[in-house]
């Protein structure tokens, strides 16, 4: 199992570009996890792409969305 730091090395902790789809690395009391859908940063909050309500999670990193495998 990857450690928190190992996972963080794959993600950026900087401020992401507004309105661009990205993958999110999040953390809770059980550990780290990747949100299973593309998200974007708008108006200072994280949203699922196309959603109107922000998501409620502890985001610790982001990376550009990767294309889906066929």
Protein backbone atom coordinates (compact mmCIF):
# COMPACT_ATOMS: atom_id res chain seq x y z
CA UNK A 1 0.00 0.00 0.00
CA UNK A 2 1.34 3.43 -0.95
CA UNK A 3 2.11 5.84 1.84
CA UNK A 4 0.65 9.33 2.00
CA UNK A 5 3.94 10.87 0.90
CA UNK A 6 4.33 8.44 -2.02
CA UNK A 7 0.87 9.37 -3.28
CA UNK A 8 1.52 13.09 -2.84
CA UNK A 9 4.57 12.90 -5.12
CA UNK A 10 2.19 12.16 -8.02
CA UNK A 11 0.05 15.24 -7.30
CA UNK A 12 0.53 18.99 -7.14
CA UNK A 13 -0.23 20.99 -4.03
CA UNK A 14 -0.16 24.32 -5.90
CA UNK A 15 -3.24 26.25 -6.95
CA UNK A 16 -4.73 24.56 -10.06
CA UNK A 17 -5.88 26.36 -13.21
CA UNK A 18 -9.50 27.56 -12.89
CA UNK A 19 -12.11 25.53 -14.73
CA UNK A 20 -9.75 22.77 -15.97
CA UNK A 21 -10.66 19.11 -15.27
CA UNK A 22 -8.30 17.44 -12.80
CA UNK A 23 -8.06 14.36 -10.58
CA UNK A 24 -8.17 15.00 -6.84
CA UNK A 25 -6.24 13.29 -4.08
CA UNK A 26 -8.23 13.56 -0.86
CA UNK A 27 -7.72 12.46 2.73
CA UNK A 28 -9.94 11.37 5.58
CA UNK A 29 -9.50 9.49 8.86
CA UNK A 30 -8.84 6.23 6.93
CA UNK A 31 -6.15 7.58 4.61
CA UNK A 32 -5.85 8.98 1.10
CA UNK A 33 -8.09 8.28 -1.88
CA UNK A 34 -8.66 9.55 -5.42
CA UNK A 35 -12.07 10.99 -6.29
CA UNK A 36 -13.50 8.72 -9.05
CA UNK A 37 -14.70 11.59 -11.25
CA UNK A 38 -13.14 14.68 -12.84
CA UNK A 39 -13.28 17.85 -10.76
CA UNK A 40 -12.51 21.51 -11.33
CA UNK A 41 -11.65 24.49 -9.16
CA UNK A 42 -14.08 27.41 -9.45
CA UNK A 43 -14.80 30.39 -7.23
CA UNK A 44 -12.43 29.09 -4.56
CA UNK A 45 -14.10 25.67 -4.21
CA UNK A 46 -13.90 22.20 -5.79
CA UNK A 47 -16.74 20.97 -8.02
CA UNK A 48 -17.47 17.82 -9.97
CA UNK A 49 -17.17 18.89 -13.62
CA UNK A 50 -20.56 20.26 -14.65
CA UNK A 51 -21.99 20.32 -11.10
CA UNK A 52 -23.43 23.38 -9.38
CA UNK A 53 -22.72 22.38 -5.77
CA UNK A 54 -19.18 22.15 -4.40
CA UNK A 55 -17.90 18.82 -3.11
CA UNK A 56 -17.25 18.47 0.61
CA UNK A 57 -13.91 16.73 1.05
CA UNK A 58 -10.37 17.40 2.26
CA UNK A 59 -8.37 17.88 -0.96
CA UNK A 60 -4.60 17.49 -0.47
CA UNK A 61 -3.46 17.43 -4.10
CA UNK A 62 -4.46 17.46 -7.75
CA UNK A 63 -3.14 16.38 -11.14
CA UNK A 64 -4.31 16.78 -14.70
CA UNK A 65 -7.01 14.26 -15.58
CA UNK A 66 -5.73 11.17 -17.30
CA UNK A 67 -7.57 9.78 -20.33
CA UNK A 68 -9.75 6.77 -19.64
CA UNK A 69 -8.26 3.40 -20.62
CA UNK A 70 -10.17 1.53 -23.30
